[in-house]
């Protein structure tokens, strides 16, 4: 949907000549499917035409997990930073895409300089981002996911005030989350927030096998 998508793609092609090494993730081709498939070897297409659930992001960890040591442990092992993607926005580079999105919304301007190898910088360089965003995010906490088709966000009280100008908050498209967890009361080994679709039988068997293997290794 970006007006410069073709310009970006041409630049991408000039830097990454092999088509199979170029990928894109989208939920709508906006009439450009033929162009996209011609230039990208890997196309992750998720039209959200089936049941899709996502991990709540706006239930501030500081509101939900009252024990700071338990909260810090969860944050340090956050799946989003470890398994998902870092982010580059007009404000700079971020350890994860949620940090980048939060900064675009809140204007803290904590992005690191966009330069070669920025993702290899030591974790200490991202401390300001972690301190500012991880306690207002719930990606690190095992919470019940919500069906996307409900078009609502789970949000805790402090974030309701912080994001009071967000469109869904203004339109009352949210569910106030006021549960407290003194410590972690879910088994992280059984928690797979990156799996946002209903698993098939094969996927369920695979996940069960993976958990058993992890138990054996431990």
N, C-alpha and C. Protein backbone atom coordinates (compact mmCIF):
# COMPACT_ATOMS: atom_id res chain seq x y z
N UNK A 1 0.82 -1.21 0.00
CA UNK A 1 0.00 0.00 0.00
C UNK A 1 0.85 1.27 0.00
N UNK A 2 2.16 1.13 0.26
CA UNK A 2 3.02 2.30 0.27
C UNK A 2 3.22 2.82 -1.16
N UNK A 3 3.10 4.10 -1.38
CA UNK A 3 3.22 4.63 -2.75
C UNK A 3 4.59 4.39 -3.39
N UNK A 4 5.62 4.11 -2.58
CA UNK A 4 6.96 3.86 -3.12
C UNK A 4 7.35 2.38 -3.11
N UNK A 5 6.36 1.48 -3.05
CA UNK A 5 6.66 0.06 -2.95
C UNK A 5 7.54 -0.42 -4.12
N UNK A 6 7.30 0.10 -5.32
CA UNK A 6 8.11 -0.34 -6.47
C UNK A 6 9.55 0.19 -6.35
N UNK A 7 9.69 1.39 -5.86
CA UNK A 7 11.02 1.96 -5.65
C UNK A 7 11.78 1.15 -4.60
N UNK A 8 11.08 0.80 -3.51
CA UNK A 8 11.71 -0.01 -2.46
C UNK A 8 12.12 -1.37 -3.02
N UNK A 9 11.23 -1.96 -3.83
CA UNK A 9 11.49 -3.29 -4.38
C UNK A 9 12.70 -3.26 -5.31
N UNK A 10 12.79 -2.25 -6.15
CA UNK A 10 13.95 -2.12 -7.06
C UNK A 10 15.25 -2.02 -6.27
N UNK A 11 15.21 -1.28 -5.17
CA UNK A 11 16.39 -1.16 -4.32
C UNK A 11 16.73 -2.52 -3.69
N UNK A 12 15.71 -3.21 -3.22
CA UNK A 12 15.87 -4.53 -2.62
C UNK A 12 16.51 -5.50 -3.62
N UNK A 13 16.00 -5.50 -4.85
CA UNK A 13 16.51 -6.37 -5.91
C UNK A 13 17.98 -6.05 -6.21
N UNK A 14 18.33 -4.76 -6.17
CA UNK A 14 19.72 -4.37 -6.47
C UNK A 14 20.69 -4.85 -5.39
N UNK A 15 20.18 -5.00 -4.17
CA UNK A 15 21.03 -5.43 -3.05
C UNK A 15 21.01 -6.94 -2.85
N UNK A 16 19.86 -7.57 -3.14
CA UNK A 16 19.69 -9.02 -2.96
C UNK A 16 19.28 -9.61 -4.32
N UNK A 17 20.25 -9.96 -5.16
CA UNK A 17 19.95 -10.41 -6.53
C UNK A 17 19.12 -11.70 -6.62
N UNK A 18 19.31 -12.62 -5.66
CA UNK A 18 18.60 -13.90 -5.74
C UNK A 18 17.16 -13.74 -5.24
N UNK A 19 16.23 -14.04 -6.14
CA UNK A 19 14.81 -13.87 -5.82
C UNK A 19 14.39 -14.68 -4.60
N UNK A 20 14.93 -15.92 -4.47
CA UNK A 20 14.52 -16.77 -3.36
C UNK A 20 14.98 -16.25 -2.01
N UNK A 21 15.85 -15.24 -2.01
CA UNK A 21 16.31 -14.64 -0.75
C UNK A 21 15.53 -13.37 -0.40
N UNK A 22 14.58 -13.02 -1.26
CA UNK A 22 13.75 -11.85 -1.00
C UNK A 22 12.35 -12.29 -0.56
N UNK A 23 11.90 -11.77 0.59
CA UNK A 23 10.59 -12.16 1.11
C UNK A 23 9.76 -10.97 1.53
N UNK A 24 8.46 -11.18 1.60
CA UNK A 24 7.54 -10.12 2.02
C UNK A 24 6.37 -10.75 2.76
N UNK A 25 5.84 -10.05 3.76
CA UNK A 25 4.70 -10.52 4.56
C UNK A 25 3.57 -9.53 4.35
N UNK A 26 2.41 -10.02 3.94
CA UNK A 26 1.30 -9.10 3.67
C UNK A 26 -0.05 -9.76 3.92
N UNK A 27 -1.06 -8.97 4.15
CA UNK A 27 -2.42 -9.48 4.29
C UNK A 27 -3.31 -8.95 3.16
N UNK A 28 -2.73 -8.15 2.27
CA UNK A 28 -3.51 -7.59 1.16
C UNK A 28 -2.54 -7.14 0.06
N UNK A 29 -2.73 -7.62 -1.15
CA UNK A 29 -1.83 -7.26 -2.25
C UNK A 29 -2.18 -5.91 -2.88
N UNK A 30 -3.35 -5.38 -2.60
CA UNK A 30 -3.78 -4.09 -3.15
C UNK A 30 -3.59 -4.02 -4.68
N UNK A 31 -3.95 -5.11 -5.34
CA UNK A 31 -3.89 -5.15 -6.80
C UNK A 31 -2.50 -5.35 -7.37
N UNK A 32 -1.50 -5.64 -6.52
CA UNK A 32 -0.12 -5.77 -6.99
C UNK A 32 0.42 -7.20 -6.83
N UNK A 33 -0.47 -8.20 -6.77
CA UNK A 33 -0.02 -9.57 -6.50
C UNK A 33 0.96 -10.07 -7.56
N UNK A 34 0.64 -9.84 -8.83
CA UNK A 34 1.52 -10.32 -9.90
C UNK A 34 2.91 -9.70 -9.78
N UNK A 35 2.97 -8.41 -9.49
CA UNK A 35 4.25 -7.70 -9.33
C UNK A 35 5.02 -8.25 -8.13
N UNK A 36 4.32 -8.46 -7.02
CA UNK A 36 4.96 -8.96 -5.80
C UNK A 36 5.53 -10.36 -6.03
N UNK A 37 4.73 -11.25 -6.60
CA UNK A 37 5.19 -12.63 -6.80
C UNK A 37 6.31 -12.71 -7.84
N UNK A 38 6.35 -11.74 -8.73
CA UNK A 38 7.41 -11.71 -9.74
C UNK A 38 8.75 -11.32 -9.12
N UNK A 39 8.71 -10.52 -8.05
CA UNK A 39 9.95 -9.99 -7.48
C UNK A 39 10.36 -10.59 -6.14
N UNK A 40 9.43 -11.31 -5.50
CA UNK A 40 9.74 -11.91 -4.20
C UNK A 40 9.59 -13.42 -4.27
N UNK A 41 10.64 -14.12 -3.86
CA UNK A 41 10.61 -15.58 -3.91
C UNK A 41 9.83 -16.19 -2.76
N UNK A 42 9.76 -15.48 -1.64
CA UNK A 42 9.02 -15.96 -0.48
C UNK A 42 7.94 -14.93 -0.14
N UNK A 43 6.69 -15.34 -0.26
CA UNK A 43 5.57 -14.44 0.01
C UNK A 43 4.72 -15.04 1.13
N UNK A 44 4.75 -14.42 2.29
CA UNK A 44 3.91 -14.84 3.41
C UNK A 44 2.58 -14.09 3.29
N UNK A 45 1.55 -14.78 2.83
CA UNK A 45 0.26 -14.14 2.60
C UNK A 45 -0.74 -14.60 3.67
N UNK A 46 -1.19 -13.68 4.49
CA UNK A 46 -2.13 -13.99 5.56
C UNK A 46 -3.35 -13.09 5.43
N UNK A 47 -4.37 -13.52 4.66
CA UNK A 47 -5.54 -12.68 4.44
C UNK A 47 -6.51 -12.63 5.61
N UNK A 48 -6.18 -13.32 6.70
CA UNK A 48 -7.05 -13.36 7.89
C UNK A 48 -8.45 -13.85 7.52
N UNK A 49 -8.52 -14.85 6.64
CA UNK A 49 -9.81 -15.39 6.23
C UNK A 49 -10.21 -16.62 7.05
N UNK A 50 -9.46 -16.92 8.08
CA UNK A 50 -9.82 -17.98 9.00
C UNK A 50 -9.58 -17.46 10.41
N UNK A 51 -9.87 -18.31 11.40
CA UNK A 51 -9.71 -17.85 12.78
C UNK A 51 -8.24 -17.54 13.06
N UNK A 52 -7.97 -16.29 13.44
CA UNK A 52 -6.62 -15.85 13.76
C UNK A 52 -6.65 -15.22 15.15
N UNK A 53 -5.75 -15.65 16.02
CA UNK A 53 -5.67 -15.08 17.35
C UNK A 53 -4.29 -14.48 17.57
N UNK A 54 -4.24 -13.44 18.36
CA UNK A 54 -2.95 -12.79 18.64
C UNK A 54 -2.79 -12.53 20.13
N UNK A 55 -1.54 -12.56 20.55
CA UNK A 55 -1.16 -12.27 21.93
C UNK A 55 -1.48 -10.82 22.26
N UNK A 56 -2.17 -10.54 23.37
CA UNK A 56 -2.40 -9.15 23.78
C UNK A 56 -1.06 -8.42 23.99
N UNK A 57 -1.00 -7.19 23.54
CA UNK A 57 0.23 -6.39 23.63
C UNK A 57 0.08 -5.22 24.62
N UNK A 58 -1.16 -4.76 24.82
CA UNK A 58 -1.38 -3.51 25.55
C UNK A 58 -1.72 -3.67 27.03
N UNK A 59 -1.54 -4.88 27.58
CA UNK A 59 -1.75 -5.07 29.02
C UNK A 59 -0.39 -4.88 29.69
N UNK A 60 -0.11 -3.70 30.17
CA UNK A 60 1.22 -3.36 30.68
C UNK A 60 1.71 -4.40 31.69
N UNK A 61 2.91 -4.90 31.47
CA UNK A 61 3.45 -5.93 32.38
C UNK A 61 3.53 -5.41 33.82
N UNK A 62 3.78 -4.11 33.98
CA UNK A 62 3.86 -3.54 35.33
C UNK A 62 2.50 -3.54 36.02
N UNK A 63 1.40 -3.57 35.24
CA UNK A 63 0.05 -3.64 35.80
C UNK A 63 -0.34 -5.08 36.13
N UNK A 64 0.19 -6.03 35.34
CA UNK A 64 -0.27 -7.42 35.43
C UNK A 64 0.56 -8.25 36.40
N UNK A 65 1.89 -8.22 36.25
CA UNK A 65 2.77 -9.02 37.10
C UNK A 65 3.33 -8.14 38.20
N UNK A 66 2.83 -8.29 39.39
CA UNK A 66 3.18 -7.37 40.48
C UNK A 66 4.56 -7.63 41.07
N UNK A 67 5.05 -8.85 40.97
CA UNK A 67 6.38 -9.18 41.49
C UNK A 67 7.44 -8.75 40.48
N UNK A 68 8.28 -7.77 40.82
CA UNK A 68 9.24 -7.22 39.86
C UNK A 68 10.25 -8.25 39.38
N UNK A 69 10.73 -9.11 40.27
CA UNK A 69 11.71 -10.12 39.87
C UNK A 69 11.11 -11.07 38.83
N UNK A 70 9.85 -11.47 39.06
CA UNK A 70 9.17 -12.35 38.10
C UNK A 70 8.94 -11.62 36.78
N UNK A 71 8.60 -10.33 36.88
CA UNK A 71 8.36 -9.52 35.68
C UNK A 71 9.64 -9.37 34.86
N UNK A 72 10.75 -9.07 35.54
CA UNK A 72 12.03 -8.92 34.84
C UNK A 72 12.46 -10.22 34.17
N UNK A 73 12.17 -11.35 34.82
CA UNK A 73 12.53 -12.65 34.25
C UNK A 73 11.75 -12.90 32.97
N UNK A 74 10.47 -12.56 32.97
CA UNK A 74 9.64 -12.72 31.78
C UNK A 74 10.13 -11.82 30.65
N UNK A 75 10.42 -10.57 30.99
CA UNK A 75 10.87 -9.60 29.98
C UNK A 75 12.19 -10.04 29.35
N UNK A 76 13.10 -10.55 30.17
CA UNK A 76 14.41 -10.96 29.65
C UNK A 76 14.31 -12.15 28.71
N UNK A 77 13.20 -12.91 28.81
CA UNK A 77 13.03 -14.08 27.95
C UNK A 77 11.93 -13.87 26.91
N UNK A 78 11.59 -12.60 26.66
CA UNK A 78 10.47 -12.31 25.75
C UNK A 78 10.64 -12.96 24.38
N UNK A 79 9.64 -13.71 23.95
CA UNK A 79 9.69 -14.42 22.67
C UNK A 79 9.76 -13.46 21.49
N UNK A 80 9.17 -12.28 21.65
CA UNK A 80 9.12 -11.34 20.53
C UNK A 80 10.52 -10.87 20.14
N UNK A 81 11.33 -10.58 21.16
CA UNK A 81 12.70 -10.14 20.90
C UNK A 81 13.59 -11.29 20.44
N UNK A 82 13.29 -12.49 20.96
CA UNK A 82 14.15 -13.64 20.66
C UNK A 82 13.81 -14.34 19.35
N UNK A 83 12.51 -14.40 19.00
CA UNK A 83 12.08 -15.21 17.86
C UNK A 83 11.52 -14.41 16.70
N UNK A 84 11.08 -13.21 16.96
CA UNK A 84 10.36 -12.47 15.91
C UNK A 84 11.31 -11.49 15.21
N UNK A 85 10.92 -10.26 15.03
CA UNK A 85 11.76 -9.38 14.21
C UNK A 85 12.10 -8.06 14.89
N UNK A 86 13.33 -7.58 14.65
CA UNK A 86 13.66 -6.20 15.03
C UNK A 86 12.95 -5.26 14.06
N UNK A 87 13.12 -3.99 14.23
CA UNK A 87 12.35 -3.05 13.41
C UNK A 87 13.14 -1.79 13.09
N UNK A 88 12.91 -1.27 11.89
CA UNK A 88 13.44 0.04 11.50
C UNK A 88 12.25 0.93 11.14
N UNK A 89 12.17 2.08 11.76
CA UNK A 89 11.11 3.05 11.48
C UNK A 89 11.77 4.39 11.16
N UNK A 90 10.99 5.40 10.80
CA UNK A 90 11.59 6.73 10.59
C UNK A 90 12.31 7.28 11.82
N UNK A 91 12.05 6.71 12.99
CA UNK A 91 12.71 7.17 14.20
C UNK A 91 14.00 6.41 14.51
N UNK A 92 14.32 5.37 13.71
CA UNK A 92 15.55 4.63 13.92
C UNK A 92 15.33 3.14 14.08
N UNK A 93 16.27 2.46 14.75
CA UNK A 93 16.26 1.01 14.89
C UNK A 93 15.81 0.59 16.28
N UNK A 94 15.06 -0.52 16.33
CA UNK A 94 14.51 -1.00 17.59
C UNK A 94 14.71 -2.50 17.75
N UNK A 95 14.82 -2.93 19.02
CA UNK A 95 15.08 -4.34 19.30
C UNK A 95 13.92 -5.22 18.84
N UNK A 96 12.69 -4.72 18.87
CA UNK A 96 11.56 -5.50 18.36
C UNK A 96 10.55 -4.55 17.72
N UNK A 97 9.65 -5.12 16.93
CA UNK A 97 8.73 -4.27 16.18
C UNK A 97 7.72 -3.56 17.07
N UNK A 98 7.40 -4.14 18.25
CA UNK A 98 6.47 -3.47 19.15
C UNK A 98 7.10 -2.20 19.72
N UNK A 99 8.40 -2.26 20.05
CA UNK A 99 9.09 -1.06 20.52
C UNK A 99 9.03 0.03 19.46
N UNK A 100 9.26 -0.35 18.21
CA UNK A 100 9.21 0.62 17.12
C UNK A 100 7.83 1.23 16.98
N UNK A 101 6.79 0.39 17.08
CA UNK A 101 5.41 0.87 16.96
C UNK A 101 5.03 1.77 18.14
N UNK A 102 5.43 1.36 19.35
CA UNK A 102 5.14 2.18 20.53
C UNK A 102 5.78 3.57 20.41
N UNK A 103 7.03 3.60 19.94
CA UNK A 103 7.72 4.89 19.84
C UNK A 103 7.09 5.77 18.76
N UNK A 104 6.60 5.15 17.69
CA UNK A 104 5.90 5.94 16.66
C UNK A 104 4.64 6.57 17.27
N UNK A 105 3.99 5.84 18.18
CA UNK A 105 2.75 6.34 18.79
C UNK A 105 3.01 7.34 19.91
N UNK A 106 4.09 7.12 20.67
CA UNK A 106 4.32 7.92 21.88
C UNK A 106 5.36 9.02 21.71
N UNK A 107 6.20 8.92 20.67
CA UNK A 107 7.16 9.98 20.39
C UNK A 107 8.30 10.12 21.37
N UNK A 108 8.79 9.00 21.92
CA UNK A 108 9.93 9.08 22.84
C UNK A 108 11.26 9.26 22.09
N UNK A 109 11.28 8.89 20.82
CA UNK A 109 12.47 9.05 19.96
C UNK A 109 13.70 8.32 20.52
N UNK A 110 13.54 7.02 20.75
CA UNK A 110 14.61 6.21 21.33
C UNK A 110 15.27 5.28 20.31
N UNK A 111 15.01 5.50 19.04
CA UNK A 111 15.61 4.65 18.01
C UNK A 111 17.12 4.82 17.93
N UNK A 112 17.82 3.71 17.67
CA UNK A 112 19.27 3.78 17.46
C UNK A 112 19.55 4.20 16.02
N UNK A 113 20.74 4.73 15.73
CA UNK A 113 21.06 5.15 14.36
C UNK A 113 20.95 4.00 13.36
N UNK A 114 20.43 4.29 12.19
CA UNK A 114 20.32 3.28 11.13
C UNK A 114 21.68 3.18 10.44
N UNK A 115 22.39 2.11 10.73
CA UNK A 115 23.74 1.94 10.19
C UNK A 115 24.04 0.45 10.04
N UNK A 116 24.99 0.07 9.20
CA UNK A 116 25.31 -1.35 9.00
C UNK A 116 25.64 -2.05 10.31
N UNK A 117 25.07 -3.24 10.49
CA UNK A 117 25.38 -4.05 11.66
C UNK A 117 24.75 -3.59 12.96
N UNK A 118 23.74 -2.70 12.89
CA UNK A 118 23.15 -2.17 14.12
C UNK A 118 22.57 -3.27 15.00
N UNK A 119 22.09 -4.37 14.38
CA UNK A 119 21.47 -5.45 15.14
C UNK A 119 22.49 -6.25 15.96
N UNK A 120 23.79 -6.04 15.69
CA UNK A 120 24.83 -6.74 16.45
C UNK A 120 25.32 -5.94 17.66
N UNK A 121 24.71 -4.80 17.89
CA UNK A 121 25.13 -3.99 19.03
C UNK A 121 24.80 -4.71 20.34
N UNK A 122 25.57 -4.48 21.42
CA UNK A 122 25.31 -5.16 22.70
C UNK A 122 23.95 -4.78 23.26
N UNK A 123 23.40 -5.68 24.06
CA UNK A 123 22.07 -5.46 24.64
C UNK A 123 22.01 -4.17 25.44
N UNK A 124 23.14 -3.78 26.04
CA UNK A 124 23.17 -2.56 26.84
C UNK A 124 22.80 -1.32 26.02
N UNK A 125 23.05 -1.36 24.71
CA UNK A 125 22.72 -0.22 23.85
C UNK A 125 21.21 -0.05 23.70
N UNK A 126 20.46 -1.11 24.00
CA UNK A 126 19.00 -1.06 23.86
C UNK A 126 18.32 -0.82 25.21
N UNK A 127 19.11 -0.52 26.25
CA UNK A 127 18.55 -0.40 27.60
C UNK A 127 17.44 0.65 27.70
N UNK A 128 17.63 1.80 27.05
CA UNK A 128 16.60 2.84 27.12
C UNK A 128 15.29 2.36 26.51
N UNK A 129 15.39 1.62 25.41
CA UNK A 129 14.19 1.07 24.78
C UNK A 129 13.51 0.06 25.70
N UNK A 130 14.31 -0.84 26.29
CA UNK A 130 13.77 -1.87 27.18
C UNK A 130 13.10 -1.23 28.39
N UNK A 131 13.77 -0.24 29.00
CA UNK A 131 13.22 0.43 30.18
C UNK A 131 11.92 1.17 29.86
N UNK A 132 11.85 1.76 28.68
CA UNK A 132 10.69 2.57 28.32
C UNK A 132 9.49 1.75 27.88
N UNK A 133 9.73 0.65 27.16
CA UNK A 133 8.63 -0.04 26.50
C UNK A 133 8.24 -1.40 27.08
N UNK A 134 9.18 -2.14 27.67
CA UNK A 134 8.86 -3.52 28.09
C UNK A 134 7.86 -3.57 29.24
N UNK A 135 7.83 -2.54 30.09
CA UNK A 135 6.88 -2.56 31.21
C UNK A 135 5.50 -2.04 30.81
N UNK A 136 5.36 -1.51 29.60
CA UNK A 136 4.02 -1.12 29.13
C UNK A 136 3.52 -2.10 28.07
N UNK A 137 4.27 -3.19 27.88
CA UNK A 137 3.94 -4.20 26.87
C UNK A 137 3.61 -5.51 27.58
N UNK A 138 2.79 -6.36 26.96
CA UNK A 138 2.47 -7.66 27.57
C UNK A 138 2.89 -8.83 26.69
N UNK A 139 3.75 -8.58 25.72
CA UNK A 139 4.18 -9.66 24.83
C UNK A 139 4.89 -10.78 25.60
N UNK A 140 5.53 -10.44 26.70
CA UNK A 140 6.32 -11.44 27.44
C UNK A 140 5.48 -12.26 28.41
N UNK A 141 4.19 -11.93 28.57
CA UNK A 141 3.35 -12.60 29.57
C UNK A 141 2.38 -13.59 28.91
N UNK A 142 2.34 -14.83 29.37
CA UNK A 142 1.37 -15.79 28.82
C UNK A 142 -0.06 -15.38 29.15
N UNK A 143 -0.75 -14.76 28.21
CA UNK A 143 -2.14 -14.34 28.39
C UNK A 143 -3.02 -15.00 27.33
N UNK A 144 -4.29 -15.07 27.60
CA UNK A 144 -5.22 -15.66 26.64
C UNK A 144 -5.30 -14.79 25.40
N UNK A 145 -5.08 -15.38 24.20
CA UNK A 145 -5.14 -14.58 22.97
C UNK A 145 -6.58 -14.23 22.61
N UNK A 146 -6.74 -13.21 21.80
CA UNK A 146 -8.07 -12.78 21.38
C UNK A 146 -8.24 -12.95 19.87
N UNK A 147 -9.42 -13.36 19.47
CA UNK A 147 -9.74 -13.53 18.05
C UNK A 147 -9.72 -12.17 17.35
N UNK A 148 -8.94 -12.07 16.26
CA UNK A 148 -8.83 -10.80 15.54
C UNK A 148 -10.17 -10.27 15.06
N UNK A 149 -11.09 -11.17 14.74
CA UNK A 149 -12.37 -10.74 14.17
C UNK A 149 -13.23 -9.97 15.16
N UNK A 150 -12.87 -10.03 16.44
CA UNK A 150 -13.61 -9.25 17.43
C UNK A 150 -13.31 -7.76 17.30
N UNK A 151 -12.17 -7.44 16.65
CA UNK A 151 -11.79 -6.03 16.43
C UNK A 151 -11.71 -5.25 17.75
N UNK A 152 -11.14 -5.92 18.78
CA UNK A 152 -10.95 -5.27 20.07
C UNK A 152 -9.56 -5.54 20.60
N UNK A 153 -9.08 -4.65 21.45
CA UNK A 153 -7.78 -4.83 22.09
C UNK A 153 -7.98 -4.97 23.59
N UNK A 154 -7.24 -5.91 24.20
CA UNK A 154 -7.18 -6.00 25.66
C UNK A 154 -6.17 -4.94 26.12
N UNK A 155 -6.56 -4.15 27.11
CA UNK A 155 -5.67 -3.07 27.55
C UNK A 155 -5.81 -2.87 29.06
N UNK A 156 -4.68 -2.63 29.73
CA UNK A 156 -4.71 -2.42 31.19
C UNK A 156 -4.90 -0.93 31.49
N UNK A 157 -5.17 -0.64 32.76
CA UNK A 157 -5.58 0.72 33.15
C UNK A 157 -4.55 1.79 32.83
N UNK A 158 -3.27 1.57 33.15
CA UNK A 158 -2.27 2.62 32.90
C UNK A 158 -2.10 2.86 31.40
N UNK A 159 -2.22 1.80 30.60
CA UNK A 159 -2.10 1.98 29.15
C UNK A 159 -3.34 2.63 28.55
N UNK A 160 -4.47 2.45 29.20
CA UNK A 160 -5.70 3.09 28.72
C UNK A 160 -5.52 4.61 28.74
N UNK A 161 -4.84 5.10 29.76
CA UNK A 161 -4.55 6.54 29.85
C UNK A 161 -3.45 6.92 28.87
N UNK A 162 -2.39 6.08 28.79
CA UNK A 162 -1.24 6.39 27.93
C UNK A 162 -1.64 6.45 26.46
N UNK A 163 -2.54 5.54 26.05
CA UNK A 163 -2.96 5.47 24.65
C UNK A 163 -4.37 6.01 24.45
N UNK A 164 -4.75 7.00 25.24
CA UNK A 164 -6.12 7.53 25.20
C UNK A 164 -6.50 8.13 23.84
N UNK A 165 -5.49 8.50 23.04
CA UNK A 165 -5.80 9.08 21.73
C UNK A 165 -5.78 8.06 20.59
N UNK A 166 -5.55 6.79 20.93
CA UNK A 166 -5.54 5.74 19.91
C UNK A 166 -6.95 5.55 19.37
N UNK A 167 -7.11 5.30 18.05
CA UNK A 167 -8.45 5.16 17.45
C UNK A 167 -9.35 4.15 18.17
N UNK A 168 -8.82 2.96 18.51
CA UNK A 168 -9.67 1.95 19.15
C UNK A 168 -10.09 2.35 20.56
N UNK A 169 -9.22 3.08 21.24
CA UNK A 169 -9.58 3.55 22.58
C UNK A 169 -10.68 4.61 22.46
N UNK A 170 -10.51 5.52 21.53
CA UNK A 170 -11.53 6.57 21.32
C UNK A 170 -12.87 5.97 20.93
N UNK A 171 -12.83 4.87 20.15
CA UNK A 171 -14.06 4.23 19.67
C UNK A 171 -14.59 3.16 20.63
N UNK A 172 -13.98 3.05 21.81
CA UNK A 172 -14.38 2.07 22.82
C UNK A 172 -14.24 0.63 22.33
N UNK A 173 -13.29 0.39 21.42
CA UNK A 173 -13.07 -0.97 20.92
C UNK A 173 -11.96 -1.64 21.75
N UNK A 174 -12.23 -1.78 23.02
CA UNK A 174 -11.23 -2.41 23.89
C UNK A 174 -11.93 -3.13 25.03
N UNK A 175 -11.17 -4.03 25.65
CA UNK A 175 -11.64 -4.74 26.85
C UNK A 175 -10.65 -4.42 27.96
N UNK A 176 -11.11 -3.84 29.05
CA UNK A 176 -10.22 -3.47 30.15
C UNK A 176 -9.73 -4.73 30.86
N UNK A 177 -8.41 -4.87 30.93
CA UNK A 177 -7.79 -6.04 31.57
C UNK A 177 -7.31 -5.63 32.95
N UNK A 178 -7.89 -6.22 34.00
CA UNK A 178 -7.51 -5.82 35.35
C UNK A 178 -7.08 -7.00 36.22
N UNK A 179 -6.66 -8.10 35.58
CA UNK A 179 -6.16 -9.24 36.35
C UNK A 179 -4.75 -8.96 36.87
N UNK A 180 -4.45 -9.55 38.03
CA UNK A 180 -3.12 -9.42 38.62
C UNK A 180 -2.48 -10.80 38.71
N UNK A 181 -1.20 -10.87 38.35
CA UNK A 181 -0.44 -12.11 38.47
C UNK A 181 0.79 -11.80 39.32
N UNK A 182 0.79 -12.26 40.58
CA UNK A 182 1.96 -11.97 41.42
C UNK A 182 3.21 -12.60 40.83
N UNK A 183 3.07 -13.84 40.37
CA UNK A 183 4.17 -14.53 39.71
C UNK A 183 3.62 -15.29 38.51
N UNK A 184 4.52 -15.82 37.71
CA UNK A 184 4.11 -16.56 36.53
C UNK A 184 3.31 -17.79 36.92
N UNK A 185 2.09 -17.92 36.38
CA UNK A 185 1.25 -19.07 36.72
C UNK A 185 0.91 -19.90 35.49
N UNK A 186 1.74 -19.81 34.46
CA UNK A 186 1.54 -20.62 33.26
C UNK A 186 2.86 -21.29 32.91
N UNK A 187 2.77 -22.41 32.22
CA UNK A 187 3.96 -23.16 31.83
C UNK A 187 4.48 -22.63 30.50
N UNK A 188 5.62 -21.91 30.49
CA UNK A 188 6.14 -21.33 29.24
C UNK A 188 6.40 -22.40 28.18
N UNK A 189 6.67 -23.64 28.59
CA UNK A 189 6.94 -24.71 27.63
C UNK A 189 5.71 -25.03 26.78
N UNK A 190 4.52 -24.71 27.30
CA UNK A 190 3.28 -24.99 26.58
C UNK A 190 2.74 -23.74 25.88
N UNK A 191 3.49 -22.67 25.95
CA UNK A 191 3.02 -21.39 25.42
C UNK A 191 3.72 -21.11 24.10
N UNK A 192 2.96 -20.98 23.03
CA UNK A 192 3.52 -20.73 21.70
C UNK A 192 2.79 -19.55 21.06
N UNK A 193 3.07 -18.32 21.53
CA UNK A 193 2.34 -17.14 21.04
C UNK A 193 2.55 -16.85 19.57
N UNK A 194 3.65 -17.36 18.99
CA UNK A 194 3.89 -17.12 17.57
C UNK A 194 2.95 -17.92 16.67
N UNK A 195 2.23 -18.89 17.24
CA UNK A 195 1.29 -19.70 16.47
C UNK A 195 -0.07 -19.01 16.52
N UNK A 196 -0.36 -18.18 15.52
CA UNK A 196 -1.54 -17.33 15.57
C UNK A 196 -2.76 -17.92 14.89
N UNK A 197 -2.60 -19.13 14.27
CA UNK A 197 -3.75 -19.78 13.66
C UNK A 197 -4.06 -21.08 14.39
N UNK A 198 -5.30 -21.55 14.22
CA UNK A 198 -5.69 -22.83 14.81
C UNK A 198 -4.79 -23.92 14.23
N UNK A 199 -4.08 -24.68 15.08
CA UNK A 199 -3.14 -25.68 14.57
C UNK A 199 -3.83 -26.87 13.90
N UNK A 200 -3.20 -27.40 12.88
CA UNK A 200 -3.69 -28.63 12.25
C UNK A 200 -3.29 -29.80 13.13
N UNK A 201 -3.79 -30.99 12.80
CA UNK A 201 -3.45 -32.18 13.58
C UNK A 201 -1.95 -32.44 13.54
N UNK A 202 -1.35 -32.25 12.37
CA UNK A 202 0.10 -32.46 12.21
C UNK A 202 0.87 -31.47 13.07
N UNK A 203 0.44 -30.19 13.07
CA UNK A 203 1.11 -29.18 13.87
C UNK A 203 0.99 -29.48 15.35
N UNK A 204 -0.18 -29.99 15.77
CA UNK A 204 -0.39 -30.33 17.18
C UNK A 204 0.55 -31.45 17.61
N UNK A 205 0.68 -32.48 16.76
CA UNK A 205 1.59 -33.59 17.05
C UNK A 205 3.03 -33.10 17.11
N UNK A 206 3.39 -32.19 16.19
CA UNK A 206 4.74 -31.64 16.16
C UNK A 206 5.05 -30.88 17.45
N UNK A 207 4.09 -30.05 17.89
CA UNK A 207 4.29 -29.26 19.11
C UNK A 207 4.43 -30.15 20.33
N UNK A 208 3.60 -31.20 20.39
CA UNK A 208 3.67 -32.13 21.52
C UNK A 208 5.03 -32.83 21.55
N UNK A 209 5.50 -33.23 20.36
CA UNK A 209 6.81 -33.89 20.27
C UNK A 209 7.93 -32.96 20.67
N UNK A 210 7.82 -31.70 20.29
CA UNK A 210 8.84 -30.71 20.63
C UNK A 210 8.91 -30.51 22.14
N UNK A 211 7.74 -30.48 22.79
CA UNK A 211 7.72 -30.31 24.24
C UNK A 211 8.32 -31.52 24.95
N UNK A 212 8.01 -32.73 24.44
CA UNK A 212 8.57 -33.93 25.05
C UNK A 212 10.09 -33.96 24.92
N UNK A 213 10.59 -33.55 23.74
CA UNK A 213 12.02 -33.51 23.51
C UNK A 213 12.69 -32.51 24.45
N UNK A 214 12.06 -31.35 24.63
CA UNK A 214 12.60 -30.34 25.52
C UNK A 214 12.70 -30.85 26.95
N UNK A 215 11.67 -31.62 27.37
CA UNK A 215 11.64 -32.19 28.71
C UNK A 215 12.78 -33.20 28.90
N UNK A 216 13.00 -34.02 27.86
CA UNK A 216 14.07 -35.01 27.92
C UNK A 216 15.43 -34.35 28.05
N UNK A 217 15.62 -33.28 27.28
CA UNK A 217 16.90 -32.56 27.30
C UNK A 217 17.15 -31.95 28.67
N UNK A 218 16.07 -31.40 29.26
CA UNK A 218 16.20 -30.78 30.58
C UNK A 218 16.49 -31.83 31.65
